[in-house]
Amino acid sequence: MAPEVVRGEAYGPEVDIWSLGIVGLEMAEGEAPYQREARLRVRRSFKWGLSNPRQHSPLLRDFLRCCLQVDKYRRWSAQELLQVRKSKVAQRSVS
């Protein structure tokens, strides 16, 4: 759950971006983040990340960083995430 949901605060579409980041993390790692840790401790810390970041592309690392911002106002919107992807594809086709 997104930090604001755990804290019982009002929430909006930002929680979906958090969830998208968690799903991306699960896909990259092959399991839910910190699945073996005590859930309460993990939810209080909200420290999510790749277990071995150098094993993954900079694009994935950036994507997860943008999605998994604890402060919901710093978390990127779906529109912002799509714009970055489009610009990366454009850069790749020019290269």
PDB file of N, CA and C in Angstrom:
ATOM      1  N   MET A   1       0.831  -1.185   0.000  1.00  0.00           N
ATOM      2  CA  MET A   1       0.000   0.000   0.000  1.00  0.00           C
ATOM      3  C   MET A   1       0.873   1.245   0.000  1.00  0.00           C
ATOM      4  N   ALA A   2       0.357   2.271  -0.631  1.00  0.00           N
ATOM      5  CA  ALA A   2       1.061   3.547  -0.661  1.00  0.00           C
ATOM      6  C   ALA A   2       1.126   4.127   0.753  1.00  0.00           C
ATOM      7  N   PRO A   3       2.153   4.916   1.043  1.00  0.00           N
ATOM      8  CA  PRO A   3       2.310   5.472   2.390  1.00  0.00           C
ATOM      9  C   PRO A   3       1.081   6.218   2.901  1.00  0.00           C
ATOM     10  N   GLU A   4       0.439   6.984   2.032  1.00  0.00           N
ATOM     11  CA  GLU A   4      -0.718   7.754   2.481  1.00  0.00           C
ATOM     12  C   GLU A   4      -1.897   6.853   2.846  1.00  0.00           C
ATOM     13  N   VAL A   5      -2.002   5.715   2.207  1.00  0.00           N
ATOM     14  CA  VAL A   5      -3.063   4.752   2.543  1.00  0.00           C
ATOM     15  C   VAL A   5      -2.781   4.132   3.905  1.00  0.00           C
ATOM     16  N   VAL A   6      -1.536   3.741   4.129  1.00  0.00           N
ATOM     17  CA  VAL A   6      -1.143   3.140   5.409  1.00  0.00           C
ATOM     18  C   VAL A   6      -1.379   4.115   6.556  1.00  0.00           C
ATOM     19  N   ARG A   7      -1.109   5.400   6.303  1.00  0.00           N
ATOM     20  CA  ARG A   7      -1.279   6.408   7.350  1.00  0.00           C
ATOM     21  C   ARG A   7      -2.729   6.852   7.520  1.00  0.00           C
ATOM     22  N   GLY A   8      -3.629   6.333   6.688  1.00  0.00           N
ATOM     23  CA  GLY A   8      -5.040   6.676   6.809  1.00  0.00           C
ATOM     24  C   GLY A   8      -5.378   8.069   6.304  1.00  0.00           C
ATOM     25  N   GLU A   9      -4.538   8.605   5.440  1.00  0.00           N
ATOM     26  CA  GLU A   9      -4.762   9.938   4.880  1.00  0.00           C
ATOM     27  C   GLU A   9      -5.644   9.848   3.629  1.00  0.00           C
ATOM     28  N   ALA A  10      -6.163  10.992   3.225  1.00  0.00           N
ATOM     29  CA  ALA A  10      -6.897  11.057   1.964  1.00  0.00           C
ATOM     30  C   ALA A  10      -5.927  10.738   0.827  1.00  0.00           C
ATOM     31  N   TYR A  11      -6.437  10.115  -0.205  1.00  0.00           N
ATOM     32  CA  TYR A  11      -5.562   9.765  -1.317  1.00  0.00           C
ATOM     33  C   TYR A  11      -6.309   9.850  -2.635  1.00  0.00           C
ATOM     34  N   GLY A  12      -5.536   9.854  -3.696  1.00  0.00           N
ATOM     35  CA  GLY A  12      -6.087   9.955  -5.038  1.00  0.00           C
ATOM     36  C   GLY A  12      -5.303   9.087  -6.000  1.00  0.00           C
ATOM     37  N   PRO A  13      -5.191   9.518  -7.242  1.00  0.00           N
ATOM     38  CA  PRO A  13      -4.533   8.709  -8.278  1.00  0.00           C
ATOM     39  C   PRO A  13      -3.065   8.410  -7.999  1.00  0.00           C
ATOM     40  N   GLU A  14      -2.466   9.167  -7.084  1.00  0.00           N
ATOM     41  CA  GLU A  14      -1.050   8.932  -6.773  1.00  0.00           C
ATOM     42  C   GLU A  14      -0.815   7.521  -6.236  1.00  0.00           C
ATOM     43  N   VAL A  15      -1.827   6.941  -5.587  1.00  0.00           N
ATOM     44  CA  VAL A  15      -1.650   5.585  -5.052  1.00  0.00           C
ATOM     45  C   VAL A  15      -1.505   4.573  -6.184  1.00  0.00           C
ATOM     46  N   ASP A  16      -2.129   4.862  -7.321  1.00  0.00           N
ATOM     47  CA  ASP A  16      -2.000   3.963  -8.465  1.00  0.00           C
ATOM     48  C   ASP A  16      -0.585   3.993  -9.029  1.00  0.00           C
ATOM     49  N   ILE A  17       0.043   5.158  -9.002  1.00  0.00           N
ATOM     50  CA  ILE A  17       1.430   5.272  -9.468  1.00  0.00           C
ATOM     51  C   ILE A  17       2.346   4.499  -8.519  1.00  0.00           C
ATOM     52  N   TRP A  18       2.098   4.602  -7.222  1.00  0.00           N
ATOM     53  CA  TRP A  18       2.872   3.826  -6.247  1.00  0.00           C
ATOM     54  C   TRP A  18       2.730   2.335  -6.563  1.00  0.00           C
ATOM     55  N   SER A  19       1.495   1.896  -6.772  1.00  0.00           N
ATOM     56  CA  SER A  19       1.238   0.482  -7.058  1.00  0.00           C
ATOM     57  C   SER A  19       1.929   0.041  -8.342  1.00  0.00           C
ATOM     58  N   LEU A  20       1.928   0.907  -9.352  1.00  0.00           N
ATOM     59  CA  LEU A  20       2.621   0.598 -10.598  1.00  0.00           C
ATOM     60  C   LEU A  20       4.113   0.388 -10.335  1.00  0.00           C
ATOM     61  N   GLY A  21       4.684   1.237  -9.500  1.00  0.00           N
ATOM     62  CA  GLY A  21       6.100   1.079  -9.149  1.00  0.00           C
ATOM     63  C   GLY A  21       6.362  -0.225  -8.412  1.00  0.00           C
ATOM     64  N   ILE A  22       5.466  -0.594  -7.511  1.00  0.00           N
ATOM     65  CA  ILE A  22       5.630  -1.855  -6.770  1.00  0.00           C
ATOM     66  C   ILE A  22       5.527  -3.039  -7.715  1.00  0.00           C
ATOM     67  N   VAL A  23       4.590  -2.984  -8.660  1.00  0.00           N
ATOM     68  CA  VAL A  23       4.457  -4.076  -9.636  1.00  0.00           C
ATOM     69  C   VAL A  23       5.725  -4.162 -10.489  1.00  0.00           C
ATOM     70  N   GLY A  24       6.253  -3.009 -10.899  1.00  0.00           N
ATOM     71  CA  GLY A  24       7.510  -3.009 -11.653  1.00  0.00           C
ATOM     72  C   GLY A  24       8.652  -3.608 -10.844  1.00  0.00           C
ATOM     73  N   LEU A  25       8.693  -3.285  -9.579  1.00  0.00           N
ATOM     74  CA  LEU A  25       9.706  -3.837  -8.679  1.00  0.00           C
ATOM     75  C   LEU A  25       9.547  -5.354  -8.559  1.00  0.00           C
ATOM     76  N   GLU A  26       8.315  -5.811  -8.417  1.00  0.00           N
ATOM     77  CA  GLU A  26       8.048  -7.249  -8.338  1.00  0.00           C
ATOM     78  C   GLU A  26       8.468  -7.959  -9.611  1.00  0.00           C
ATOM     79  N   MET A  27       8.188  -7.353 -10.761  1.00  0.00           N
ATOM     80  CA  MET A  27       8.563  -7.972 -12.037  1.00  0.00           C
ATOM     81  C   MET A  27      10.083  -8.075 -12.171  1.00  0.00           C
ATOM     82  N   ALA A  28      10.782  -7.038 -11.763  1.00  0.00           N
ATOM     83  CA  ALA A  28      12.246  -7.029 -11.877  1.00  0.00           C
ATOM     84  C   ALA A  28      12.896  -8.001 -10.900  1.00  0.00           C
ATOM     85  N   GLU A  29      12.336  -8.107  -9.698  1.00  0.00           N
ATOM     86  CA  GLU A  29      12.935  -8.927  -8.646  1.00  0.00           C
ATOM     87  C   GLU A  29      12.410 -10.362  -8.611  1.00  0.00           C
ATOM     88  N   GLY A  30      11.241 -10.588  -9.207  1.00  0.00           N
ATOM     89  CA  GLY A  30      10.674 -11.934  -9.197  1.00  0.00           C
ATOM     90  C   GLY A  30       9.857 -12.252  -7.957  1.00  0.00           C
ATOM     91  N   GLU A  31       9.709 -11.293  -7.067  1.00  0.00           N
ATOM     92  CA  GLU A  31       8.881 -11.467  -5.870  1.00  0.00           C
ATOM     93  C   GLU A  31       8.539 -10.094  -5.301  1.00  0.00           C
ATOM     94  N   ALA A  32       7.551 -10.078  -4.430  1.00  0.00           N
ATOM     95  CA  ALA A  32       7.154  -8.818  -3.800  1.00  0.00           C
ATOM     96  C   ALA A  32       8.321  -8.270  -2.986  1.00  0.00           C
ATOM     97  N   PRO A  33       8.479  -6.941  -2.950  1.00  0.00           N
ATOM     98  CA  PRO A  33       9.587  -6.377  -2.178  1.00  0.00           C
ATOM     99  C   PRO A  33       9.496  -6.735  -0.705  1.00  0.00           C
ATOM    100  N   TYR A  34      10.617  -7.103  -0.170  1.00  0.00           N
ATOM    101  CA  TYR A  34      10.739  -7.418   1.258  1.00  0.00           C
ATOM    102  C   TYR A  34       9.709  -8.443   1.722  1.00  0.00           C
ATOM    103  N   GLN A  35       9.426  -9.398   0.870  1.00  0.00           N
ATOM    104  CA  GLN A  35       8.419 -10.405   1.178  1.00  0.00           C
ATOM    105  C   GLN A  35       8.769 -11.189   2.435  1.00  0.00           C
ATOM    106  N   ARG A  36      10.034 -11.321   2.714  1.00  0.00           N
ATOM    107  CA  ARG A  36      10.452 -12.114   3.864  1.00  0.00           C
ATOM    108  C   ARG A  36      10.557 -11.288   5.159  1.00  0.00           C
ATOM    109  N   GLU A  37      10.373  -9.975   5.041  1.00  0.00           N
ATOM    110  CA  GLU A  37      10.480  -9.091   6.204  1.00  0.00           C
ATOM    111  C   GLU A  37       9.131  -8.962   6.911  1.00  0.00           C
ATOM    112  N   ALA A  38       9.172  -8.528   8.144  1.00  0.00           N
ATOM    113  CA  ALA A  38       7.939  -8.263   8.886  1.00  0.00           C
ATOM    114  C   ALA A  38       7.206  -7.106   8.225  1.00  0.00           C
ATOM    115  N   ARG A  39       5.964  -7.320   7.854  1.00  0.00           N
ATOM    116  CA  ARG A  39       5.191  -6.318   7.101  1.00  0.00           C
ATOM    117  C   ARG A  39       5.079  -4.984   7.841  1.00  0.00           C
ATOM    118  N   LEU A  40       4.853  -5.015   9.120  1.00  0.00           N
ATOM    119  CA  LEU A  40       4.682  -3.772   9.862  1.00  0.00           C
ATOM    120  C   LEU A  40       5.946  -2.930   9.793  1.00  0.00           C
ATOM    121  N   ARG A  41       7.102  -3.578   9.947  1.00  0.00           N
ATOM    122  CA  ARG A  41       8.365  -2.846   9.900  1.00  0.00           C
ATOM    123  C   ARG A  41       8.592  -2.235   8.517  1.00  0.00           C
ATOM    124  N   VAL A  42       8.282  -2.999   7.469  1.00  0.00           N
ATOM    125  CA  VAL A  42       8.481  -2.515   6.106  1.00  0.00           C
ATOM    126  C   VAL A  42       7.546  -1.354   5.815  1.00  0.00           C
ATOM    127  N   ARG A  43       6.301  -1.452   6.218  1.00  0.00           N
ATOM    128  CA  ARG A  43       5.333  -0.386   5.946  1.00  0.00           C
ATOM    129  C   ARG A  43       5.695   0.902   6.656  1.00  0.00           C
ATOM    130  N   ARG A  44       6.334   0.800   7.788  1.00  0.00           N
ATOM    131  CA  ARG A  44       6.720   2.016   8.512  1.00  0.00           C
ATOM    132  C   ARG A  44       7.929   2.684   7.880  1.00  0.00           C
ATOM    133  N   SER A  45       8.789   1.919   7.244  1.00  0.00           N
ATOM    134  CA  SER A  45      10.002   2.499   6.681  1.00  0.00           C
ATOM    135  C   SER A  45       9.801   3.016   5.253  1.00  0.00           C
ATOM    136  N   PHE A  46       8.990   2.350   4.462  1.00  0.00           N
ATOM    137  CA  PHE A  46       8.741   2.710   3.070  1.00  0.00           C
ATOM    138  C   PHE A  46      10.018   2.849   2.271  1.00  0.00           C
ATOM    139  N   LYS A  47      10.980   2.008   2.562  1.00  0.00           N
ATOM    140  CA  LYS A  47      12.228   2.037   1.808  1.00  0.00           C
ATOM    141  C   LYS A  47      12.193   0.913   0.791  1.00  0.00           C
ATOM    142  N   TRP A  48      11.798   1.268  -0.420  1.00  0.00           N
ATOM    143  CA  TRP A  48      11.674   0.284  -1.484  1.00  0.00           C
ATOM    144  C   TRP A  48      12.793   0.492  -2.481  1.00  0.00           C
ATOM    145  N   GLY A  49      13.301  -0.566  -3.011  1.00  0.00           N
ATOM    146  CA  GLY A  49      14.320  -0.447  -4.035  1.00  0.00           C
ATOM    147  C   GLY A  49      14.734  -1.812  -4.528  1.00  0.00           C
ATOM    148  N   LEU A  50      15.500  -1.793  -5.568  1.00  0.00           N
ATOM    149  CA  LEU A  50      16.011  -3.028  -6.149  1.00  0.00           C
ATOM    150  C   LEU A  50      17.085  -3.614  -5.246  1.00  0.00           C
ATOM    151  N   SER A  51      17.085  -4.920  -5.109  1.00  0.00           N
ATOM    152  CA  SER A  51      18.087  -5.555  -4.251  1.00  0.00           C
ATOM    153  C   SER A  51      19.485  -5.405  -4.851  1.00  0.00           C
ATOM    154  N   ASN A  52      19.584  -5.381  -6.178  1.00  0.00           N
ATOM    155  CA  ASN A  52      20.866  -5.194  -6.843  1.00  0.00           C
ATOM    156  C   ASN A  52      20.664  -4.216  -8.000  1.00  0.00           C
ATOM    157  N   PRO A  53      20.655  -2.913  -7.724  1.00  0.00           N
ATOM    158  CA  PRO A  53      20.307  -1.914  -8.739  1.00  0.00           C
ATOM    159  C   PRO A  53      21.156  -1.965 -10.008  1.00  0.00           C
ATOM    160  N   ARG A  54      22.426  -2.270  -9.881  1.00  0.00           N
ATOM    161  CA  ARG A  54      23.313  -2.273 -11.057  1.00  0.00           C
ATOM    162  C   ARG A  54      22.980  -3.388 -12.037  1.00  0.00           C
ATOM    163  N   GLN A  55      22.178  -4.311 -11.588  1.00  0.00           N
ATOM    164  CA  GLN A  55      21.766  -5.425 -12.442  1.00  0.00           C
ATOM    165  C   GLN A  55      20.669  -4.986 -13.429  1.00  0.00           C
ATOM    166  N   HIS A  56      20.092  -3.822 -13.202  1.00  0.00           N
ATOM    167  CA  HIS A  56      18.969  -3.355 -14.000  1.00  0.00           C
ATOM    168  C   HIS A  56      19.314  -2.059 -14.735  1.00  0.00           C
ATOM    169  N   SER A  57      18.553  -1.763 -15.757  1.00  0.00           N
ATOM    170  CA  SER A  57      18.826  -0.595 -16.598  1.00  0.00           C
ATOM    171  C   SER A  57      18.592   0.712 -15.847  1.00  0.00           C
ATOM    172  N   PRO A  58      19.301   1.756 -16.257  1.00  0.00           N
ATOM    173  CA  PRO A  58      19.066   3.074 -15.665  1.00  0.00           C
ATOM    174  C   PRO A  58      17.616   3.535 -15.865  1.00  0.00           C
ATOM    175  N   LEU A  59      17.009   3.178 -16.987  1.00  0.00           N
ATOM    176  CA  LEU A  59      15.626   3.559 -17.252  1.00  0.00           C
ATOM    177  C   LEU A  59      14.687   2.942 -16.211  1.00  0.00           C
ATOM    178  N   LEU A  60      14.892   1.671 -15.881  1.00  0.00           N
ATOM    179  CA  LEU A  60      14.067   1.024 -14.859  1.00  0.00           C
ATOM    180  C   LEU A  60      14.302   1.669 -13.496  1.00  0.00           C
ATOM    181  N   ARG A  61      15.551   1.916 -13.165  1.00  0.00           N
ATOM    182  CA  ARG A  61      15.842   2.547 -11.877  1.00  0.00           C
ATOM    183  C   ARG A  61      15.181   3.915 -11.767  1.00  0.00           C
ATOM    184  N   ASP A  62      15.243   4.706 -12.827  1.00  0.00           N
ATOM    185  CA  ASP A  62      14.606   6.022 -12.826  1.00  0.00           C
ATOM    186  C   ASP A  62      13.089   5.907 -12.710  1.00  0.00           C
ATOM    187  N   PHE A  63      12.519   4.961 -13.447  1.00  0.00           N
ATOM    188  CA  PHE A  63      11.075   4.744 -13.411  1.00  0.00           C
ATOM    189  C   PHE A  63      10.622   4.427 -11.988  1.00  0.00           C
ATOM    190  N   LEU A  64      11.312   3.511 -11.331  1.00  0.00           N
ATOM    191  CA  LEU A  64      10.948   3.129  -9.969  1.00  0.00           C
ATOM    192  C   LEU A  64      11.132   4.293  -9.002  1.00  0.00           C
ATOM    193  N   ARG A  65      12.189   5.054  -9.182  1.00  0.00           N
ATOM    194  CA  ARG A  65      12.420   6.214  -8.316  1.00  0.00           C
ATOM    195  C   ARG A  65      11.281   7.222  -8.458  1.00  0.00           C
ATOM    196  N   CYS A  66      10.798   7.425  -9.674  1.00  0.00           N
ATOM    197  CA  CYS A  66       9.703   8.378  -9.908  1.00  0.00           C
ATOM    198  C   CYS A  66       8.376   7.875  -9.355  1.00  0.00           C
ATOM    199  N   CYS A  67       8.161   6.583  -9.391  1.00  0.00           N
ATOM    200  CA  CYS A  67       6.902   5.997  -8.900  1.00  0.00           C
ATOM    201  C   CYS A  67       6.873   5.836  -7.390  1.00  0.00           C
ATOM    202  N   LEU A  68       8.001   5.552  -6.790  1.00  0.00           N
ATOM    203  CA  LEU A  68       8.034   5.175  -5.377  1.00  0.00           C
ATOM    204  C   LEU A  68       8.506   6.309  -4.466  1.00  0.00           C
ATOM    205  N   GLN A  69       8.100   7.506  -4.778  1.00  0.00           N
ATOM    206  CA  GLN A  69       8.366   8.648  -3.899  1.00  0.00           C
ATOM    207  C   GLN A  69       7.407   8.572  -2.718  1.00  0.00           C
ATOM    208  N   VAL A  70       7.918   8.601  -1.508  1.00  0.00           N
ATOM    209  CA  VAL A  70       7.069   8.545  -0.314  1.00  0.00           C
ATOM    210  C   VAL A  70       6.147   9.760  -0.260  1.00  0.00           C
ATOM    211  N   ASP A  71       6.661  10.922  -0.604  1.00  0.00           N
ATOM    212  CA  ASP A  71       5.850  12.135  -0.643  1.00  0.00           C
ATOM    213  C   ASP A  71       5.000  12.105  -1.914  1.00  0.00           C
ATOM    214  N   LYS A  72       3.695  11.981  -1.754  1.00  0.00           N
ATOM    215  CA  LYS A  72       2.822  11.831  -2.922  1.00  0.00           C
ATOM    216  C   LYS A  72       2.887  13.033  -3.856  1.00  0.00           C
ATOM    217  N   TYR A  73       3.296  14.188  -3.380  1.00  0.00           N
ATOM    218  CA  TYR A  73       3.404  15.372  -4.229  1.00  0.00           C
ATOM    219  C   TYR A  73       4.671  15.343  -5.089  1.00  0.00           C
ATOM    220  N   ARG A  74       5.609  14.510  -4.729  1.00  0.00           N
ATOM    221  CA  ARG A  74       6.831  14.347  -5.521  1.00  0.00           C
ATOM    222  C   ARG A  74       6.721  13.167  -6.484  1.00  0.00           C
ATOM    223  N   ARG A  75       5.738  12.319  -6.266  1.00  0.00           N
ATOM    224  CA  ARG A  75       5.506  11.162  -7.125  1.00  0.00           C
ATOM    225  C   ARG A  75       5.041  11.642  -8.496  1.00  0.00           C
ATOM    226  N   TRP A  76       5.563  11.064  -9.544  1.00  0.00           N
ATOM    227  CA  TRP A  76       5.212  11.493 -10.886  1.00  0.00           C
ATOM    228  C   TRP A  76       3.803  11.036 -11.245  1.00  0.00           C
ATOM    229  N   SER A  77       3.172  11.773 -12.129  1.00  0.00           N
ATOM    230  CA  SER A  77       1.845  11.402 -12.631  1.00  0.00           C
ATOM    231  C   SER A  77       2.017  10.439 -13.809  1.00  0.00           C
ATOM    232  N   ALA A  78       0.928   9.815 -14.204  1.00  0.00           N
ATOM    233  CA  ALA A  78       0.963   8.919 -15.370  1.00  0.00           C
ATOM    234  C   ALA A  78       1.379   9.705 -16.609  1.00  0.00           C
ATOM    235  N   GLN A  79       0.879  10.910 -16.742  1.00  0.00           N
ATOM    236  CA  GLN A  79       1.224  11.751 -17.893  1.00  0.00           C
ATOM    237  C   GLN A  79       2.724  12.034 -17.940  1.00  0.00           C
ATOM    238  N   GLU A  80       3.305  12.353 -16.796  1.00  0.00           N
ATOM    239  CA  GLU A  80       4.749  12.617 -16.743  1.00  0.00           C
ATOM    240  C   GLU A  80       5.548  11.364 -17.097  1.00  0.00           C
ATOM    241  N   LEU A  81       5.125  10.221 -16.588  1.00  0.00           N
ATOM    242  CA  LEU A  81       5.817   8.969 -16.895  1.00  0.00           C
ATOM    243  C   LEU A  81       5.754   8.654 -18.380  1.00  0.00           C
ATOM    244  N   LEU A  82       4.612   8.895 -19.008  1.00  0.00           N
ATOM    245  CA  LEU A  82       4.471   8.654 -20.448  1.00  0.00           C
ATOM    246  C   LEU A  82       5.336   9.594 -21.265  1.00  0.00           C
ATOM    247  N   GLN A  83       5.462  10.830 -20.854  1.00  0.00           N
ATOM    248  CA  GLN A  83       6.292  11.790 -21.584  1.00  0.00           C
ATOM    249  C   GLN A  83       7.753  11.378 -21.567  1.00  0.00           C
ATOM    250  N   VAL A  84       8.226  10.896 -20.438  1.00  0.00           N
ATOM    251  CA  VAL A  84       9.620  10.443 -20.337  1.00  0.00           C
ATOM    252  C   VAL A  84       9.846   9.269 -21.275  1.00  0.00           C
ATOM    253  N   ARG A  85       8.927   8.336 -21.279  1.00  0.00           N
ATOM    254  CA  ARG A  85       9.053   7.162 -22.144  1.00  0.00           C
ATOM    255  C   ARG A  85       9.109   7.597 -23.605  1.00  0.00           C
ATOM    256  N   LYS A  86       8.240   8.516 -24.002  1.00  0.00           N
ATOM    257  CA  LYS A  86       8.217   8.982 -25.390  1.00  0.00           C
ATOM    258  C   LYS A  86       9.529   9.666 -25.760  1.00  0.00           C
ATOM    259  N   SER A  87      10.078  10.454 -24.855  1.00  0.00           N
ATOM    260  CA  SER A  87      11.329  11.145 -25.147  1.00  0.00           C
ATOM    261  C   SER A  87      12.488  10.147 -25.241  1.00  0.00           C
ATOM    262  N   LYS A  88      12.469   9.102 -24.408  1.00  0.00           N
ATOM    263  CA  LYS A  88      13.529   8.080 -24.469  1.00  0.00           C
ATOM    264  C   LYS A  88      13.459   7.326 -25.782  1.00  0.00           C
ATOM    265  N   VAL A  89      12.251   7.011 -26.246  1.00  0.00           N
ATOM    266  CA  VAL A  89      12.087   6.311 -27.532  1.00  0.00           C
ATOM    267  C   VAL A  89      12.563   7.196 -28.658  1.00  0.00           C
ATOM    268  N   ALA A  90      12.239   8.492 -28.588  1.00  0.00           N
ATOM    269  CA  ALA A  90      12.680   9.432 -29.626  1.00  0.00           C
ATOM    270  C   ALA A  90      14.206   9.529 -29.643  1.00  0.00           C
ATOM    271  N   GLN A  91      14.829   9.599 -28.473  1.00  0.00           N
ATOM    272  CA  GLN A  91      16.292   9.660 -28.395  1.00  0.00           C
ATOM    273  C   GLN A  91      16.922   8.410 -28.973  1.00  0.00           C
ATOM    274  N   ARG A  92      16.320   7.278 -28.689  1.00  0.00           N
ATOM    275  CA  ARG A  92      16.857   6.004 -29.144  1.00  0.00           C
ATOM    276  C   ARG A  92      16.797   5.921 -30.668  1.00  0.00           C
ATOM    277  N   SER A  93      15.711   6.407 -31.282  1.00  0.00           N
ATOM    278  CA  SER A  93      15.565   6.322 -32.733  1.00  0.00           C
ATOM    279  C   SER A  93      16.501   7.286 -33.455  1.00  0.00           C
ATOM    280  N   VAL A  94      16.894   8.387 -32.792  1.00  0.00           N
ATOM    281  CA  VAL A  94      17.829   9.351 -33.391  1.00  0.00           C
ATOM    282  C   VAL A  94      19.243   8.812 -33.339  1.00  0.00           C
ATOM    283  N   SER A  95      19.581   8.090 -32.289  1.00  0.00           N
ATOM    284  CA  SER A  95      20.946   7.588 -32.091  1.00  0.00           C
ATOM    285  C   SER A  95      21.364   6.603 -33.146  1.00  0.00           C
TER     286      SER A  95
END
